[in-house]
Amino acid sequence: ILSKAVTNLEKHQHPSKLTEGPEYDTFSYLAASSSYLYKLVFSNLWLLSGLVSSILAKDYKTDAVQRTTTAVTIMKAGIKENVMPSKAEAIVNHRIHPTSNLEEVLE
């Protein structure tokens, strides 16, 4: 049961909030001092946010900019091999996006 819950956490990421949070303002601010291509993209996030979001999502380091992230950091279960554990637990950490709240994460 625990392994299915952990798998679901990985499969069902929180939605991108690229256009709602401080990262949108950061990209807009960077546009003025960027090369032509980046300036074009960052100045038109209203149109190209889906493209930028999919590029950010390809790497976990950049994906954390645009959404609430989830990480299972500790799993505890049995103490002997070949014996089904009677109890299992997992510690899950969330880095909550500035425009999200605890209620959204707990859904």
N, C-alpha and C. Protein backbone atom coordinates (compact mmCIF):
# COMPACT_ATOMS: atom_id res chain seq x y z
N ILE A 1 0.83 -1.19 0.00
CA ILE A 1 0.00 0.00 0.00
C ILE A 1 0.87 1.25 0.00
N LEU A 2 1.92 1.25 0.82
CA LEU A 2 2.80 2.42 0.90
C LEU A 2 3.51 2.66 -0.43
N SER A 3 3.95 1.61 -1.07
CA SER A 3 4.66 1.78 -2.35
C SER A 3 3.75 2.38 -3.41
N LYS A 4 2.47 2.00 -3.40
CA LYS A 4 1.52 2.60 -4.35
C LYS A 4 1.31 4.07 -4.05
N ALA A 5 1.24 4.42 -2.78
CA ALA A 5 1.06 5.83 -2.40
C ALA A 5 2.26 6.66 -2.84
N VAL A 6 3.46 6.13 -2.64
CA VAL A 6 4.68 6.84 -3.05
C VAL A 6 4.72 6.98 -4.57
N THR A 7 4.36 5.93 -5.28
CA THR A 7 4.32 5.97 -6.74
C THR A 7 3.33 7.03 -7.22
N ASN A 8 2.16 7.10 -6.57
CA ASN A 8 1.17 8.12 -6.94
C ASN A 8 1.69 9.52 -6.72
N LEU A 9 2.45 9.74 -5.67
CA LEU A 9 3.03 11.06 -5.43
C LEU A 9 3.96 11.45 -6.58
N GLU A 10 4.73 10.50 -7.07
CA GLU A 10 5.67 10.78 -8.17
C GLU A 10 4.94 10.98 -9.50
N LYS A 11 3.90 10.19 -9.73
CA LYS A 11 3.17 10.27 -11.00
C LYS A 11 2.30 11.51 -11.11
N HIS A 12 1.73 11.94 -10.01
CA HIS A 12 0.78 13.05 -10.03
C HIS A 12 1.40 14.29 -9.39
N GLN A 13 2.21 14.97 -10.18
CA GLN A 13 2.86 16.18 -9.68
C GLN A 13 1.85 17.31 -9.54
N HIS A 14 2.21 18.27 -8.75
CA HIS A 14 1.38 19.46 -8.62
C HIS A 14 1.45 20.25 -9.92
N PRO A 15 0.41 21.02 -10.23
CA PRO A 15 0.39 21.74 -11.51
C PRO A 15 1.42 22.87 -11.54
N SER A 16 1.82 23.21 -12.76
CA SER A 16 2.74 24.32 -12.96
C SER A 16 2.03 25.63 -12.63
N LYS A 17 2.74 26.51 -11.97
CA LYS A 17 2.20 27.83 -11.65
C LYS A 17 3.15 28.91 -12.18
N LEU A 18 3.70 28.64 -13.35
CA LEU A 18 4.70 29.52 -13.94
C LEU A 18 4.20 30.95 -14.10
N THR A 19 2.97 31.12 -14.50
CA THR A 19 2.47 32.48 -14.76
C THR A 19 1.84 33.13 -13.53
N GLU A 20 1.86 32.45 -12.40
CA GLU A 20 1.18 32.97 -11.22
C GLU A 20 2.12 33.47 -10.12
N GLY A 21 3.36 33.07 -10.16
CA GLY A 21 4.24 33.35 -9.04
C GLY A 21 5.37 34.30 -9.35
N PRO A 22 6.31 34.40 -8.44
CA PRO A 22 7.43 35.32 -8.60
C PRO A 22 8.36 34.96 -9.76
N GLU A 23 8.35 33.71 -10.19
CA GLU A 23 9.20 33.33 -11.31
C GLU A 23 8.78 34.05 -12.59
N TYR A 24 7.51 34.32 -12.75
CA TYR A 24 7.02 35.06 -13.92
C TYR A 24 7.63 36.47 -13.93
N ASP A 25 7.61 37.12 -12.78
CA ASP A 25 8.21 38.45 -12.67
C ASP A 25 9.72 38.40 -12.90
N THR A 26 10.37 37.35 -12.40
CA THR A 26 11.81 37.20 -12.59
C THR A 26 12.16 37.07 -14.07
N PHE A 27 11.43 36.20 -14.78
CA PHE A 27 11.70 36.05 -16.21
C PHE A 27 11.41 37.35 -16.97
N SER A 28 10.35 38.03 -16.61
CA SER A 28 10.03 39.30 -17.25
C SER A 28 11.12 40.33 -17.02
N TYR A 29 11.67 40.36 -15.81
CA TYR A 29 12.74 41.29 -15.48
C TYR A 29 14.02 40.94 -16.25
N LEU A 30 14.30 39.64 -16.39
CA LEU A 30 15.50 39.20 -17.10
C LEU A 30 15.44 39.49 -18.59
N ALA A 31 14.25 39.65 -19.12
CA ALA A 31 14.10 39.86 -20.56
C ALA A 31 14.90 41.05 -21.05
N ALA A 32 14.92 42.12 -20.30
CA ALA A 32 15.59 43.34 -20.74
C ALA A 32 17.09 43.17 -20.93
N SER A 33 17.71 42.28 -20.17
CA SER A 33 19.17 42.12 -20.27
C SER A 33 19.58 40.78 -20.89
N SER A 34 18.66 40.13 -21.57
CA SER A 34 18.94 38.83 -22.18
C SER A 34 19.28 38.97 -23.66
N SER A 35 19.80 37.88 -24.22
CA SER A 35 20.06 37.84 -25.66
C SER A 35 18.71 37.89 -26.39
N TYR A 36 18.78 38.08 -27.70
CA TYR A 36 17.56 38.29 -28.48
C TYR A 36 16.55 37.16 -28.32
N LEU A 37 17.00 35.92 -28.43
CA LEU A 37 16.08 34.79 -28.34
C LEU A 37 15.40 34.71 -26.97
N TYR A 38 16.20 34.83 -25.90
CA TYR A 38 15.63 34.80 -24.56
C TYR A 38 14.71 36.00 -24.33
N LYS A 39 15.12 37.15 -24.84
CA LYS A 39 14.28 38.34 -24.71
C LYS A 39 12.93 38.11 -25.37
N LEU A 40 12.95 37.50 -26.54
CA LEU A 40 11.72 37.20 -27.27
C LEU A 40 10.81 36.27 -26.45
N VAL A 41 11.40 35.23 -25.88
CA VAL A 41 10.63 34.25 -25.10
C VAL A 41 10.14 34.88 -23.79
N PHE A 42 11.04 35.49 -23.03
CA PHE A 42 10.68 36.04 -21.72
C PHE A 42 9.70 37.20 -21.81
N SER A 43 9.74 37.94 -22.91
CA SER A 43 8.82 39.06 -23.08
C SER A 43 7.43 38.60 -23.50
N ASN A 44 7.33 37.36 -23.94
CA ASN A 44 6.05 36.84 -24.42
C ASN A 44 5.60 35.60 -23.65
N LEU A 45 5.84 35.60 -22.36
CA LEU A 45 5.43 34.45 -21.54
C LEU A 45 3.92 34.25 -21.56
N TRP A 46 3.18 35.31 -21.77
CA TRP A 46 1.72 35.17 -21.86
C TRP A 46 1.34 34.21 -22.98
N LEU A 47 2.19 34.13 -24.01
CA LEU A 47 1.94 33.26 -25.15
C LEU A 47 2.75 31.95 -25.06
N LEU A 48 3.98 32.05 -24.58
CA LEU A 48 4.90 30.92 -24.62
C LEU A 48 5.10 30.22 -23.27
N SER A 49 4.25 30.50 -22.30
CA SER A 49 4.43 29.91 -20.97
C SER A 49 4.36 28.38 -20.99
N GLY A 50 3.52 27.82 -21.85
CA GLY A 50 3.43 26.36 -21.96
C GLY A 50 4.74 25.75 -22.43
N LEU A 51 5.36 26.38 -23.41
CA LEU A 51 6.65 25.92 -23.92
C LEU A 51 7.73 26.03 -22.86
N VAL A 52 7.79 27.18 -22.19
CA VAL A 52 8.80 27.38 -21.13
C VAL A 52 8.56 26.39 -20.00
N SER A 53 7.32 26.18 -19.64
CA SER A 53 6.99 25.24 -18.57
C SER A 53 7.43 23.82 -18.91
N SER A 54 7.21 23.40 -20.15
CA SER A 54 7.63 22.04 -20.54
C SER A 54 9.15 21.91 -20.56
N ILE A 55 9.86 22.97 -20.92
CA ILE A 55 11.32 22.94 -20.89
C ILE A 55 11.82 22.86 -19.45
N LEU A 56 11.22 23.66 -18.57
CA LEU A 56 11.61 23.63 -17.15
C LEU A 56 11.32 22.26 -16.53
N ALA A 57 10.24 21.62 -16.96
CA ALA A 57 9.82 20.34 -16.38
C ALA A 57 10.75 19.18 -16.74
N LYS A 58 11.61 19.35 -17.72
CA LYS A 58 12.49 18.26 -18.14
C LYS A 58 13.59 17.95 -17.13
N ASP A 59 13.89 18.90 -16.26
CA ASP A 59 14.95 18.70 -15.27
C ASP A 59 14.39 19.04 -13.88
N TYR A 60 14.58 18.15 -12.92
CA TYR A 60 14.01 18.37 -11.59
C TYR A 60 14.54 19.66 -10.95
N LYS A 61 15.75 20.09 -11.31
CA LYS A 61 16.31 21.31 -10.71
C LYS A 61 15.58 22.55 -11.19
N THR A 62 15.19 22.59 -12.44
CA THR A 62 14.45 23.75 -12.95
C THR A 62 12.95 23.60 -12.75
N ASP A 63 12.47 22.38 -12.67
CA ASP A 63 11.04 22.16 -12.46
C ASP A 63 10.59 22.69 -11.11
N ALA A 64 11.48 22.68 -10.14
CA ALA A 64 11.15 23.15 -8.79
C ALA A 64 10.81 24.64 -8.77
N VAL A 65 11.19 25.37 -9.79
CA VAL A 65 10.90 26.80 -9.87
C VAL A 65 9.40 27.04 -10.05
N GLN A 66 8.72 26.16 -10.75
CA GLN A 66 7.37 26.44 -11.20
C GLN A 66 6.24 25.67 -10.49
N ARG A 67 6.57 24.82 -9.57
CA ARG A 67 5.50 24.04 -8.93
C ARG A 67 5.90 23.61 -7.52
N THR A 68 4.93 23.17 -6.75
CA THR A 68 5.20 22.54 -5.46
C THR A 68 5.86 21.20 -5.75
N THR A 69 6.98 20.95 -5.09
CA THR A 69 7.68 19.69 -5.33
C THR A 69 7.52 18.77 -4.12
N THR A 70 7.60 17.49 -4.40
CA THR A 70 7.42 16.45 -3.39
C THR A 70 8.63 15.52 -3.42
N ALA A 71 9.13 15.19 -2.24
CA ALA A 71 10.26 14.26 -2.15
C ALA A 71 10.06 13.31 -0.98
N VAL A 72 10.07 12.03 -1.27
CA VAL A 72 10.03 11.02 -0.22
C VAL A 72 11.47 10.87 0.27
N THR A 73 11.70 11.23 1.53
CA THR A 73 13.08 11.25 2.02
C THR A 73 13.45 10.05 2.89
N ILE A 74 12.48 9.47 3.58
CA ILE A 74 12.76 8.32 4.45
C ILE A 74 11.61 7.32 4.33
N MET A 75 11.95 6.05 4.16
CA MET A 75 10.95 4.98 4.21
C MET A 75 11.42 3.96 5.24
N LYS A 76 10.49 3.55 6.10
CA LYS A 76 10.81 2.56 7.12
C LYS A 76 9.81 1.42 7.02
N ALA A 77 10.32 0.20 7.12
CA ALA A 77 9.44 -0.97 7.10
C ALA A 77 10.09 -2.09 7.91
N GLY A 78 10.06 -3.30 7.40
CA GLY A 78 10.52 -4.47 8.14
C GLY A 78 11.97 -4.42 8.59
N ILE A 79 12.28 -5.34 9.50
CA ILE A 79 13.65 -5.42 10.03
C ILE A 79 14.33 -6.75 9.71
N LYS A 80 13.58 -7.68 9.10
CA LYS A 80 14.16 -8.98 8.74
C LYS A 80 13.79 -9.29 7.30
N GLU A 81 14.67 -10.02 6.65
CA GLU A 81 14.36 -10.41 5.28
C GLU A 81 13.39 -11.59 5.29
N ASN A 82 12.60 -11.68 4.25
CA ASN A 82 11.64 -12.76 4.05
C ASN A 82 10.51 -12.76 5.09
N VAL A 83 10.25 -11.60 5.70
CA VAL A 83 9.14 -11.45 6.66
C VAL A 83 8.39 -10.18 6.28
N MET A 84 7.08 -10.32 6.10
CA MET A 84 6.27 -9.14 5.76
C MET A 84 6.19 -8.21 6.97
N PRO A 85 6.52 -6.94 6.78
CA PRO A 85 6.44 -6.01 7.92
C PRO A 85 4.99 -5.73 8.30
N SER A 86 4.76 -5.57 9.58
CA SER A 86 3.40 -5.26 10.04
C SER A 86 3.10 -3.78 9.94
N LYS A 87 4.15 -2.98 9.75
CA LYS A 87 3.99 -1.53 9.71
C LYS A 87 5.00 -0.95 8.73
N ALA A 88 4.58 0.08 8.01
CA ALA A 88 5.49 0.79 7.10
C ALA A 88 5.13 2.27 7.14
N GLU A 89 6.14 3.12 7.03
CA GLU A 89 5.89 4.56 7.04
C GLU A 89 6.88 5.26 6.12
N ALA A 90 6.47 6.45 5.70
CA ALA A 90 7.32 7.24 4.82
C ALA A 90 7.27 8.70 5.28
N ILE A 91 8.39 9.37 5.16
CA ILE A 91 8.47 10.80 5.44
C ILE A 91 8.48 11.49 4.08
N VAL A 92 7.56 12.42 3.88
CA VAL A 92 7.43 13.13 2.61
C VAL A 92 7.62 14.62 2.87
N ASN A 93 8.54 15.22 2.13
CA ASN A 93 8.78 16.66 2.22
C ASN A 93 8.19 17.35 1.01
N HIS A 94 7.60 18.51 1.25
CA HIS A 94 7.04 19.33 0.17
C HIS A 94 7.70 20.71 0.21
N ARG A 95 8.13 21.19 -0.95
CA ARG A 95 8.56 22.57 -1.07
C ARG A 95 7.38 23.27 -1.74
N ILE A 96 6.66 24.04 -0.96
CA ILE A 96 5.40 24.61 -1.42
C ILE A 96 5.66 25.88 -2.22
N HIS A 97 5.09 25.93 -3.41
CA HIS A 97 5.21 27.09 -4.29
C HIS A 97 4.60 28.30 -3.59
N PRO A 98 5.17 29.49 -3.78
CA PRO A 98 4.67 30.68 -3.07
C PRO A 98 3.18 30.98 -3.30
N THR A 99 2.62 30.56 -4.43
CA THR A 99 1.20 30.83 -4.67
C THR A 99 0.30 29.68 -4.24
N SER A 100 0.88 28.61 -3.71
CA SER A 100 0.10 27.49 -3.21
C SER A 100 -0.06 27.61 -1.70
N ASN A 101 -0.87 26.72 -1.15
CA ASN A 101 -1.03 26.69 0.30
C ASN A 101 -1.10 25.24 0.77
N LEU A 102 -1.12 25.06 2.06
CA LEU A 102 -1.08 23.72 2.63
C LEU A 102 -2.31 22.89 2.21
N GLU A 103 -3.46 23.53 2.12
CA GLU A 103 -4.68 22.79 1.74
C GLU A 103 -4.55 22.20 0.35
N GLU A 104 -3.95 22.94 -0.60
CA GLU A 104 -3.74 22.41 -1.95
C GLU A 104 -2.81 21.20 -1.92
N VAL A 105 -1.79 21.25 -1.10
CA VAL A 105 -0.83 20.16 -1.03
C VAL A 105 -1.49 18.91 -0.44
N LEU A 106 -2.32 19.08 0.55
CA LEU A 106 -2.95 17.95 1.21
C LEU A 106 -4.04 17.29 0.38
N GLU A 107 -4.54 17.96 -0.64
CA GLU A 107 -5.55 17.35 -1.52
C GLU A 107 -4.95 16.17 -2.16
